[in-house]
Amino acid sequence: MPVSIEQHVEWVSDCIEYLRDNDVKTIESLVEAEENWSKHCKEVADKTLYPETDSWYTGANIADKPQRFPIYLGGVGPYREICNEVAANGYEGFSLK
């Protein structure tokens, strides 16, 4: 997590700079992109035992909350590559206005 947190800060600050440089006032993720990312996270997680346990990772600690595994387990390197690709493609998967 600490390595990813540093990457998140860098990615978000680069995104803000991109938005400013391109006079973009708002950025919002597209529903389809969110659904695709969630599906990918699930596919990766399903190769592990994490989804088989009741934990706060799956939402089991909150009554009536749908259980899923929204954390990416594919590794920091591949995660960084995915994020860099999104940015390089003009923040693909986001609506920029």
PDB file of N, CA and C in Angstrom:
ATOM      1  N   MET A   1       0.798  -1.206   0.000  1.00  0.00           N
ATOM      2  CA  MET A   1       0.000   0.000   0.000  1.00  0.00           C
ATOM      3  C   MET A   1       0.845   1.278   0.000  1.00  0.00           C
ATOM      4  N   PRO A   2       1.888   1.388   0.824  1.00  0.00           N
ATOM      5  CA  PRO A   2       2.655   2.640   0.815  1.00  0.00           C
ATOM      6  C   PRO A   2       3.238   2.981  -0.558  1.00  0.00           C
ATOM      7  N   VAL A   3       3.704   1.988  -1.285  1.00  0.00           N
ATOM      8  CA  VAL A   3       4.242   2.251  -2.629  1.00  0.00           C
ATOM      9  C   VAL A   3       3.132   2.756  -3.545  1.00  0.00           C
ATOM     10  N   SER A   4       1.962   2.164  -3.450  1.00  0.00           N
ATOM     11  CA  SER A   4       0.841   2.584  -4.284  1.00  0.00           C
ATOM     12  C   SER A   4       0.347   3.974  -3.905  1.00  0.00           C
ATOM     13  N   ILE A   5       0.389   4.301  -2.647  1.00  0.00           N
ATOM     14  CA  ILE A   5      -0.060   5.628  -2.213  1.00  0.00           C
ATOM     15  C   ILE A   5       0.807   6.710  -2.850  1.00  0.00           C
ATOM     16  N   GLU A   6       2.117   6.491  -2.877  1.00  0.00           N
ATOM     17  CA  GLU A   6       3.013   7.451  -3.516  1.00  0.00           C
ATOM     18  C   GLU A   6       2.678   7.579  -5.003  1.00  0.00           C
ATOM     19  N   GLN A   7       2.417   6.455  -5.644  1.00  0.00           N
ATOM     20  CA  GLN A   7       2.051   6.468  -7.065  1.00  0.00           C
ATOM     21  C   GLN A   7       0.743   7.215  -7.263  1.00  0.00           C
ATOM     22  N   HIS A   8      -0.222   7.030  -6.367  1.00  0.00           N
ATOM     23  CA  HIS A   8      -1.507   7.718  -6.473  1.00  0.00           C
ATOM     24  C   HIS A   8      -1.330   9.228  -6.405  1.00  0.00           C
ATOM     25  N   VAL A   9      -0.514   9.682  -5.464  1.00  0.00           N
ATOM     26  CA  VAL A   9      -0.270  11.121  -5.314  1.00  0.00           C
ATOM     27  C   VAL A   9       0.350  11.681  -6.592  1.00  0.00           C
ATOM     28  N   GLU A  10       1.335  10.984  -7.123  1.00  0.00           N
ATOM     29  CA  GLU A  10       1.983  11.436  -8.357  1.00  0.00           C
ATOM     30  C   GLU A  10       0.986  11.467  -9.518  1.00  0.00           C
ATOM     31  N   TRP A  11       0.177  10.419  -9.638  1.00  0.00           N
ATOM     32  CA  TRP A  11      -0.770  10.330 -10.743  1.00  0.00           C
ATOM     33  C   TRP A  11      -1.810  11.444 -10.661  1.00  0.00           C
ATOM     34  N   VAL A  12      -2.338  11.670  -9.464  1.00  0.00           N
ATOM     35  CA  VAL A  12      -3.360  12.707  -9.292  1.00  0.00           C
ATOM     36  C   VAL A  12      -2.766  14.092  -9.535  1.00  0.00           C
ATOM     37  N   SER A  13      -1.570  14.348  -9.049  1.00  0.00           N
ATOM     38  CA  SER A  13      -0.966  15.668  -9.285  1.00  0.00           C
ATOM     39  C   SER A  13      -0.667  15.877 -10.765  1.00  0.00           C
ATOM     40  N   ASP A  14      -0.225  14.834 -11.465  1.00  0.00           N
ATOM     41  CA  ASP A  14      -0.026  14.939 -12.913  1.00  0.00           C
ATOM     42  C   ASP A  14      -1.356  15.171 -13.631  1.00  0.00           C
ATOM     43  N   CYS A  15      -2.411  14.519 -13.146  1.00  0.00           N
ATOM     44  CA  CYS A  15      -3.738  14.695 -13.735  1.00  0.00           C
ATOM     45  C   CYS A  15      -4.211  16.135 -13.557  1.00  0.00           C
ATOM     46  N   ILE A  16      -4.040  16.688 -12.373  1.00  0.00           N
ATOM     47  CA  ILE A  16      -4.441  18.077 -12.120  1.00  0.00           C
ATOM     48  C   ILE A  16      -3.670  19.020 -13.037  1.00  0.00           C
ATOM     49  N   GLU A  17      -2.402  18.763 -13.213  1.00  0.00           N
ATOM     50  CA  GLU A  17      -1.593  19.588 -14.112  1.00  0.00           C
ATOM     51  C   GLU A  17      -2.122  19.489 -15.550  1.00  0.00           C
ATOM     52  N   TYR A  18      -2.463  18.273 -15.979  1.00  0.00           N
ATOM     53  CA  TYR A  18      -3.021  18.063 -17.321  1.00  0.00           C
ATOM     54  C   TYR A  18      -4.334  18.840 -17.471  1.00  0.00           C
ATOM     55  N   LEU A  19      -5.186  18.757 -16.463  1.00  0.00           N
ATOM     56  CA  LEU A  19      -6.475  19.454 -16.508  1.00  0.00           C
ATOM     57  C   LEU A  19      -6.265  20.962 -16.622  1.00  0.00           C
ATOM     58  N   ARG A  20      -5.365  21.493 -15.823  1.00  0.00           N
ATOM     59  CA  ARG A  20      -5.073  22.931 -15.873  1.00  0.00           C
ATOM     60  C   ARG A  20      -4.520  23.331 -17.236  1.00  0.00           C
ATOM     61  N   ASP A  21      -3.555  22.561 -17.726  1.00  0.00           N
ATOM     62  CA  ASP A  21      -2.910  22.882 -19.012  1.00  0.00           C
ATOM     63  C   ASP A  21      -3.879  22.819 -20.183  1.00  0.00           C
ATOM     64  N   ASN A  22      -4.931  22.020 -20.042  1.00  0.00           N
ATOM     65  CA  ASN A  22      -5.890  21.830 -21.129  1.00  0.00           C
ATOM     66  C   ASN A  22      -7.234  22.489 -20.851  1.00  0.00           C
ATOM     67  N   ASP A  23      -7.265  23.371 -19.852  1.00  0.00           N
ATOM     68  CA  ASP A  23      -8.459  24.124 -19.485  1.00  0.00           C
ATOM     69  C   ASP A  23      -9.676  23.217 -19.261  1.00  0.00           C
ATOM     70  N   VAL A  24      -9.435  22.103 -18.599  1.00  0.00           N
ATOM     71  CA  VAL A  24     -10.505  21.162 -18.264  1.00  0.00           C
ATOM     72  C   VAL A  24     -10.977  21.487 -16.851  1.00  0.00           C
ATOM     73  N   LYS A  25     -12.277  21.678 -16.708  1.00  0.00           N
ATOM     74  CA  LYS A  25     -12.843  22.077 -15.409  1.00  0.00           C
ATOM     75  C   LYS A  25     -13.273  20.883 -14.547  1.00  0.00           C
ATOM     76  N   THR A  26     -13.701  19.792 -15.205  1.00  0.00           N
ATOM     77  CA  THR A  26     -14.170  18.632 -14.441  1.00  0.00           C
ATOM     78  C   THR A  26     -13.655  17.341 -15.065  1.00  0.00           C
ATOM     79  N   ILE A  27     -13.468  16.359 -14.213  1.00  0.00           N
ATOM     80  CA  ILE A  27     -13.106  15.011 -14.640  1.00  0.00           C
ATOM     81  C   ILE A  27     -13.976  14.044 -13.848  1.00  0.00           C
ATOM     82  N   GLU A  28     -14.551  13.095 -14.544  1.00  0.00           N
ATOM     83  CA  GLU A  28     -15.420  12.115 -13.889  1.00  0.00           C
ATOM     84  C   GLU A  28     -15.254  10.779 -14.591  1.00  0.00           C
ATOM     85  N   SER A  29     -15.137   9.722 -13.813  1.00  0.00           N
ATOM     86  CA  SER A  29     -14.980   8.402 -14.425  1.00  0.00           C
ATOM     87  C   SER A  29     -16.260   7.995 -15.136  1.00  0.00           C
ATOM     88  N   LEU A  30     -16.082   7.286 -16.236  1.00  0.00           N
ATOM     89  CA  LEU A  30     -17.215   6.768 -16.994  1.00  0.00           C
ATOM     90  C   LEU A  30     -17.695   5.467 -16.361  1.00  0.00           C
ATOM     91  N   VAL A  31     -18.995   5.248 -16.343  1.00  0.00           N
ATOM     92  CA  VAL A  31     -19.575   4.054 -15.728  1.00  0.00           C
ATOM     93  C   VAL A  31     -18.977   2.799 -16.345  1.00  0.00           C
ATOM     94  N   GLU A  32     -18.862   2.764 -17.655  1.00  0.00           N
ATOM     95  CA  GLU A  32     -18.315   1.583 -18.331  1.00  0.00           C
ATOM     96  C   GLU A  32     -16.876   1.306 -17.879  1.00  0.00           C
ATOM     97  N   ALA A  33     -16.078   2.352 -17.721  1.00  0.00           N
ATOM     98  CA  ALA A  33     -14.694   2.183 -17.259  1.00  0.00           C
ATOM     99  C   ALA A  33     -14.664   1.640 -15.831  1.00  0.00           C
ATOM    100  N   GLU A  34     -15.548   2.152 -14.986  1.00  0.00           N
ATOM    101  CA  GLU A  34     -15.631   1.661 -13.606  1.00  0.00           C
ATOM    102  C   GLU A  34     -15.993   0.183 -13.587  1.00  0.00           C
ATOM    103  N   GLU A  35     -16.985  -0.179 -14.391  1.00  0.00           N
ATOM    104  CA  GLU A  35     -17.433  -1.574 -14.444  1.00  0.00           C
ATOM    105  C   GLU A  35     -16.322  -2.483 -14.970  1.00  0.00           C
ATOM    106  N   ASN A  36     -15.610  -2.039 -15.999  1.00  0.00           N
ATOM    107  CA  ASN A  36     -14.513  -2.833 -16.554  1.00  0.00           C
ATOM    108  C   ASN A  36     -13.393  -3.007 -15.539  1.00  0.00           C
ATOM    109  N   TRP A  37     -13.066  -1.941 -14.802  1.00  0.00           N
ATOM    110  CA  TRP A  37     -12.012  -2.033 -13.791  1.00  0.00           C
ATOM    111  C   TRP A  37     -12.431  -2.978 -12.671  1.00  0.00           C
ATOM    112  N   SER A  38     -13.674  -2.867 -12.223  1.00  0.00           N
ATOM    113  CA  SER A  38     -14.170  -3.757 -11.163  1.00  0.00           C
ATOM    114  C   SER A  38     -14.118  -5.209 -11.614  1.00  0.00           C
ATOM    115  N   LYS A  39     -14.502  -5.448 -12.851  1.00  0.00           N
ATOM    116  CA  LYS A  39     -14.465  -6.812 -13.404  1.00  0.00           C
ATOM    117  C   LYS A  39     -13.029  -7.326 -13.433  1.00  0.00           C
ATOM    118  N   HIS A  40     -12.097  -6.482 -13.871  1.00  0.00           N
ATOM    119  CA  HIS A  40     -10.699  -6.887 -13.920  1.00  0.00           C
ATOM    120  C   HIS A  40     -10.162  -7.190 -12.520  1.00  0.00           C
ATOM    121  N   CYS A  41     -10.472  -6.321 -11.558  1.00  0.00           N
ATOM    122  CA  CYS A  41     -10.035  -6.553 -10.175  1.00  0.00           C
ATOM    123  C   CYS A  41     -10.566  -7.876  -9.649  1.00  0.00           C
ATOM    124  N   LYS A  42     -11.823  -8.182  -9.961  1.00  0.00           N
ATOM    125  CA  LYS A  42     -12.430  -9.447  -9.527  1.00  0.00           C
ATOM    126  C   LYS A  42     -11.736 -10.635 -10.174  1.00  0.00           C
ATOM    127  N   GLU A  43     -11.448 -10.526 -11.476  1.00  0.00           N
ATOM    128  CA  GLU A  43     -10.770 -11.627 -12.173  1.00  0.00           C
ATOM    129  C   GLU A  43      -9.407 -11.920 -11.545  1.00  0.00           C
ATOM    130  N   VAL A  44      -8.680 -10.877 -11.213  1.00  0.00           N
ATOM    131  CA  VAL A  44      -7.364 -11.050 -10.591  1.00  0.00           C
ATOM    132  C   VAL A  44      -7.522 -11.622  -9.185  1.00  0.00           C
ATOM    133  N   ALA A  45      -8.431 -11.065  -8.409  1.00  0.00           N
ATOM    134  CA  ALA A  45      -8.643 -11.521  -7.029  1.00  0.00           C
ATOM    135  C   ALA A  45      -9.121 -12.961  -6.975  1.00  0.00           C
ATOM    136  N   ASP A  46      -9.926 -13.376  -7.954  1.00  0.00           N
ATOM    137  CA  ASP A  46     -10.467 -14.741  -7.958  1.00  0.00           C
ATOM    138  C   ASP A  46      -9.383 -15.799  -8.145  1.00  0.00           C
ATOM    139  N   LYS A  47      -8.183 -15.385  -8.483  1.00  0.00           N
ATOM    140  CA  LYS A  47      -7.055 -16.319  -8.593  1.00  0.00           C
ATOM    141  C   LYS A  47      -6.377 -16.523  -7.236  1.00  0.00           C
ATOM    142  N   THR A  48      -6.921 -15.855  -6.204  1.00  0.00           N
ATOM    143  CA  THR A  48      -6.369 -15.949  -4.852  1.00  0.00           C
ATOM    144  C   THR A  48      -7.448 -16.451  -3.895  1.00  0.00           C
ATOM    145  N   LEU A  49      -7.089 -16.535  -2.632  1.00  0.00           N
ATOM    146  CA  LEU A  49      -8.055 -16.933  -1.602  1.00  0.00           C
ATOM    147  C   LEU A  49      -8.732 -15.743  -0.931  1.00  0.00           C
ATOM    148  N   TYR A  50      -8.291 -14.534  -1.235  1.00  0.00           N
ATOM    149  CA  TYR A  50      -8.872 -13.352  -0.583  1.00  0.00           C
ATOM    150  C   TYR A  50     -10.403 -13.309  -0.650  1.00  0.00           C
ATOM    151  N   PRO A  51     -11.004 -13.511  -1.820  1.00  0.00           N
ATOM    152  CA  PRO A  51     -12.472 -13.423  -1.885  1.00  0.00           C
ATOM    153  C   PRO A  51     -13.198 -14.523  -1.108  1.00  0.00           C
ATOM    154  N   GLU A  52     -12.464 -15.539  -0.684  1.00  0.00           N
ATOM    155  CA  GLU A  52     -13.084 -16.658   0.030  1.00  0.00           C
ATOM    156  C   GLU A  52     -13.266 -16.388   1.522  1.00  0.00           C
ATOM    157  N   THR A  53     -12.745 -15.273   1.995  1.00  0.00           N
ATOM    158  CA  THR A  53     -12.835 -14.972   3.428  1.00  0.00           C
ATOM    159  C   THR A  53     -13.773 -13.794   3.675  1.00  0.00           C
ATOM    160  N   ASP A  54     -14.349 -13.778   4.853  1.00  0.00           N
ATOM    161  CA  ASP A  54     -15.140 -12.634   5.265  1.00  0.00           C
ATOM    162  C   ASP A  54     -14.202 -11.622   5.905  1.00  0.00           C
ATOM    163  N   SER A  55     -14.067 -10.464   5.291  1.00  0.00           N
ATOM    164  CA  SER A  55     -13.183  -9.432   5.832  1.00  0.00           C
ATOM    165  C   SER A  55     -13.686  -8.059   5.404  1.00  0.00           C
ATOM    166  N   TRP A  56     -13.046  -7.031   5.933  1.00  0.00           N
ATOM    167  CA  TRP A  56     -13.413  -5.671   5.532  1.00  0.00           C
ATOM    168  C   TRP A  56     -13.039  -5.436   4.078  1.00  0.00           C
ATOM    169  N   TYR A  57     -12.080  -6.204   3.542  1.00  0.00           N
ATOM    170  CA  TYR A  57     -11.739  -6.077   2.123  1.00  0.00           C
ATOM    171  C   TYR A  57     -12.954  -6.389   1.235  1.00  0.00           C
ATOM    172  N   THR A  58     -13.756  -7.344   1.654  1.00  0.00           N
ATOM    173  CA  THR A  58     -14.911  -7.749   0.854  1.00  0.00           C
ATOM    174  C   THR A  58     -16.199  -7.052   1.270  1.00  0.00           C
ATOM    175  N   GLY A  59     -16.145  -6.280   2.342  1.00  0.00           N
ATOM    176  CA  GLY A  59     -17.332  -5.584   2.830  1.00  0.00           C
ATOM    177  C   GLY A  59     -18.131  -6.383   3.830  1.00  0.00           C
ATOM    178  N   ALA A  60     -17.583  -7.512   4.296  1.00  0.00           N
ATOM    179  CA  ALA A  60     -18.308  -8.381   5.224  1.00  0.00           C
ATOM    180  C   ALA A  60     -18.537  -7.740   6.582  1.00  0.00           C
ATOM    181  N   ASN A  61     -17.819  -6.670   6.885  1.00  0.00           N
ATOM    182  CA  ASN A  61     -17.967  -6.032   8.188  1.00  0.00           C
ATOM    183  C   ASN A  61     -19.160  -5.078   8.263  1.00  0.00           C
ATOM    184  N   ILE A  62     -19.885  -4.917   7.157  1.00  0.00           N
ATOM    185  CA  ILE A  62     -21.043  -4.027   7.128  1.00  0.00           C
ATOM    186  C   ILE A  62     -22.269  -4.847   6.731  1.00  0.00           C
ATOM    187  N   ALA A  63     -23.226  -4.904   7.624  1.00  0.00           N
ATOM    188  CA  ALA A  63     -24.433  -5.695   7.387  1.00  0.00           C
ATOM    189  C   ALA A  63     -25.128  -5.268   6.095  1.00  0.00           C
ATOM    190  N   ASP A  64     -25.551  -6.233   5.324  1.00  0.00           N
ATOM    191  CA  ASP A  64     -26.304  -6.040   4.080  1.00  0.00           C
ATOM    192  C   ASP A  64     -25.506  -5.375   2.952  1.00  0.00           C
ATOM    193  N   LYS A  65     -24.208  -5.187   3.140  1.00  0.00           N
ATOM    194  CA  LYS A  65     -23.395  -4.613   2.068  1.00  0.00           C
ATOM    195  C   LYS A  65     -23.050  -5.724   1.083  1.00  0.00           C
ATOM    196  N   PRO A  66     -23.247  -5.473  -0.207  1.00  0.00           N
ATOM    197  CA  PRO A  66     -22.855  -6.490  -1.192  1.00  0.00           C
ATOM    198  C   PRO A  66     -21.354  -6.763  -1.073  1.00  0.00           C
ATOM    199  N   GLN A  67     -20.990  -8.028  -1.045  1.00  0.00           N
ATOM    200  CA  GLN A  67     -19.583  -8.372  -0.906  1.00  0.00           C
ATOM    201  C   GLN A  67     -18.921  -8.490  -2.274  1.00  0.00           C
ATOM    202  N   ARG A  68     -17.785  -7.825  -2.392  1.00  0.00           N
ATOM    203  CA  ARG A  68     -16.967  -7.884  -3.596  1.00  0.00           C
ATOM    204  C   ARG A  68     -15.535  -7.581  -3.189  1.00  0.00           C
ATOM    205  N   PHE A  69     -14.642  -7.634  -4.131  1.00  0.00           N
ATOM    206  CA  PHE A  69     -13.227  -7.398  -3.816  1.00  0.00           C
ATOM    207  C   PHE A  69     -12.706  -6.295  -4.724  1.00  0.00           C
ATOM    208  N   PRO A  70     -12.774  -5.024  -4.269  1.00  0.00           N
ATOM    209  CA  PRO A  70     -12.444  -3.892  -5.120  1.00  0.00           C
ATOM    210  C   PRO A  70     -10.966  -3.491  -5.133  1.00  0.00           C
ATOM    211  N   ILE A  71     -10.103  -4.342  -4.627  1.00  0.00           N
ATOM    212  CA  ILE A  71      -8.686  -4.001  -4.537  1.00  0.00           C
ATOM    213  C   ILE A  71      -7.929  -4.744  -5.633  1.00  0.00           C
ATOM    214  N   TYR A  72      -6.996  -4.044  -6.275  1.00  0.00           N
ATOM    215  CA  TYR A  72      -6.224  -4.654  -7.362  1.00  0.00           C
ATOM    216  C   TYR A  72      -5.057  -5.453  -6.800  1.00  0.00           C
ATOM    217  N   LEU A  73      -5.003  -6.737  -7.120  1.00  0.00           N
ATOM    218  CA  LEU A  73      -3.968  -7.617  -6.612  1.00  0.00           C
ATOM    219  C   LEU A  73      -2.948  -8.009  -7.679  1.00  0.00           C
ATOM    220  N   GLY A  74      -2.949  -7.308  -8.795  1.00  0.00           N
ATOM    221  CA  GLY A  74      -2.066  -7.669  -9.900  1.00  0.00           C
ATOM    222  C   GLY A  74      -0.635  -7.193  -9.756  1.00  0.00           C
ATOM    223  N   GLY A  75      -0.335  -6.464  -8.700  1.00  0.00           N
ATOM    224  CA  GLY A  75       1.021  -5.995  -8.467  1.00  0.00           C
ATOM    225  C   GLY A  75       1.178  -4.515  -8.762  1.00  0.00           C
ATOM    226  N   VAL A  76       2.154  -3.913  -8.100  1.00  0.00           N
ATOM    227  CA  VAL A  76       2.388  -2.482  -8.229  1.00  0.00           C
ATOM    228  C   VAL A  76       2.855  -2.126  -9.636  1.00  0.00           C
ATOM    229  N   GLY A  77       3.741  -2.932 -10.203  1.00  0.00           N
ATOM    230  CA  GLY A  77       4.254  -2.653 -11.547  1.00  0.00           C
ATOM    231  C   GLY A  77       3.159  -2.605 -12.595  1.00  0.00           C
ATOM    232  N   PRO A  78       2.364  -3.672 -12.715  1.00  0.00           N
ATOM    233  CA  PRO A  78       1.275  -3.645 -13.691  1.00  0.00           C
ATOM    234  C   PRO A  78       0.251  -2.545 -13.416  1.00  0.00           C
ATOM    235  N   TYR A  79      -0.017  -2.275 -12.138  1.00  0.00           N
ATOM    236  CA  TYR A  79      -0.964  -1.210 -11.786  1.00  0.00           C
ATOM    237  C   TYR A  79      -0.453   0.142 -12.276  1.00  0.00           C
ATOM    238  N   ARG A  80       0.814   0.396 -12.034  1.00  0.00           N
ATOM    239  CA  ARG A  80       1.424   1.650 -12.485  1.00  0.00           C
ATOM    240  C   ARG A  80       1.351   1.759 -14.010  1.00  0.00           C
ATOM    241  N   GLU A  81       1.618   0.659 -14.700  1.00  0.00           N
ATOM    242  CA  GLU A  81       1.548   0.657 -16.165  1.00  0.00           C
ATOM    243  C   GLU A  81       0.140   0.990 -16.658  1.00  0.00           C
ATOM    244  N   ILE A  82      -0.865   0.412 -16.023  1.00  0.00           N
ATOM    245  CA  ILE A  82      -2.256   0.678 -16.398  1.00  0.00           C
ATOM    246  C   ILE A  82      -2.572   2.158 -16.190  1.00  0.00           C
ATOM    247  N   CYS A  83      -2.196   2.690 -15.046  1.00  0.00           N
ATOM    248  CA  CYS A  83      -2.456   4.104 -14.753  1.00  0.00           C
ATOM    249  C   CYS A  83      -1.732   5.013 -15.732  1.00  0.00           C
ATOM    250  N   ASN A  84      -0.488   4.687 -16.035  1.00  0.00           N
ATOM    251  CA  ASN A  84       0.281   5.490 -16.995  1.00  0.00           C
ATOM    252  C   ASN A  84      -0.350   5.448 -18.382  1.00  0.00           C
ATOM    253  N   GLU A  85      -0.876   4.288 -18.767  1.00  0.00           N
ATOM    254  CA  GLU A  85      -1.534   4.147 -20.065  1.00  0.00           C
ATOM    255  C   GLU A  85      -2.806   4.999 -20.131  1.00  0.00           C
ATOM    256  N   VAL A  86      -3.569   5.000 -19.054  1.00  0.00           N
ATOM    257  CA  VAL A  86      -4.781   5.822 -18.987  1.00  0.00           C
ATOM    258  C   VAL A  86      -4.421   7.289 -19.190  1.00  0.00           C
ATOM    259  N   ALA A  87      -3.389   7.746 -18.496  1.00  0.00           N
ATOM    260  CA  ALA A  87      -2.951   9.145 -18.617  1.00  0.00           C
ATOM    261  C   ALA A  87      -2.427   9.436 -20.021  1.00  0.00           C
ATOM    262  N   ALA A  88      -1.608   8.524 -20.558  1.00  0.00           N
ATOM    263  CA  ALA A  88      -1.027   8.732 -21.892  1.00  0.00           C
ATOM    264  C   ALA A  88      -2.094   8.798 -22.971  1.00  0.00           C
ATOM    265  N   ASN A  89      -3.233   8.174 -22.723  1.00  0.00           N
ATOM    266  CA  ASN A  89      -4.336   8.184 -23.688  1.00  0.00           C
ATOM    267  C   ASN A  89      -5.345   9.280 -23.365  1.00  0.00           C
ATOM    268  N   GLY A  90      -4.873  10.371 -22.761  1.00  0.00           N
ATOM    269  CA  GLY A  90      -5.756  11.519 -22.494  1.00  0.00           C
ATOM    270  C   GLY A  90      -6.789  11.241 -21.431  1.00  0.00           C
ATOM    271  N   TYR A  91      -6.423  10.420 -20.442  1.00  0.00           N
ATOM    272  CA  TYR A  91      -7.314  10.045 -19.342  1.00  0.00           C
ATOM    273  C   TYR A  91      -8.535   9.269 -19.868  1.00  0.00           C
ATOM    274  N   GLU A  92      -8.170   8.268 -20.667  1.00  0.00           N
ATOM    275  CA  GLU A  92      -9.167   7.348 -21.217  1.00  0.00           C
ATOM    276  C   GLU A  92      -9.970   6.720 -20.065  1.00  0.00           C
ATOM    277  N   GLY A  93     -11.277   6.653 -20.246  1.00  0.00           N
ATOM    278  CA  GLY A  93     -12.152   6.122 -19.210  1.00  0.00           C
ATOM    279  C   GLY A  93     -12.732   7.206 -18.319  1.00  0.00           C
ATOM    280  N   PHE A  94     -12.381   8.459 -18.635  1.00  0.00           N
ATOM    281  CA  PHE A  94     -12.884   9.599 -17.881  1.00  0.00           C
ATOM    282  C   PHE A  94     -13.554  10.581 -18.831  1.00  0.00           C
ATOM    283  N   SER A  95     -14.554  11.258 -18.331  1.00  0.00           N
ATOM    284  CA  SER A  95     -15.182  12.347 -19.069  1.00  0.00           C
ATOM    285  C   SER A  95     -14.499  13.632 -18.621  1.00  0.00           C
ATOM    286  N   LEU A  96     -13.943  14.349 -19.584  1.00  0.00           N
ATOM    287  CA  LEU A  96     -13.266  15.624 -19.302  1.00  0.00           C
ATOM    288  C   LEU A  96     -14.091  16.754 -19.902  1.00  0.00           C
ATOM    289  N   LYS A  97     -14.431  17.738 -19.081  1.00  0.00           N
ATOM    290  CA  LYS A  97     -15.243  18.870 -19.578  1.00  0.00           C
ATOM    291  C   LYS A  97     -14.611  20.172 -19.148  1.00  0.00           C
TER     292      LYS A  97
END
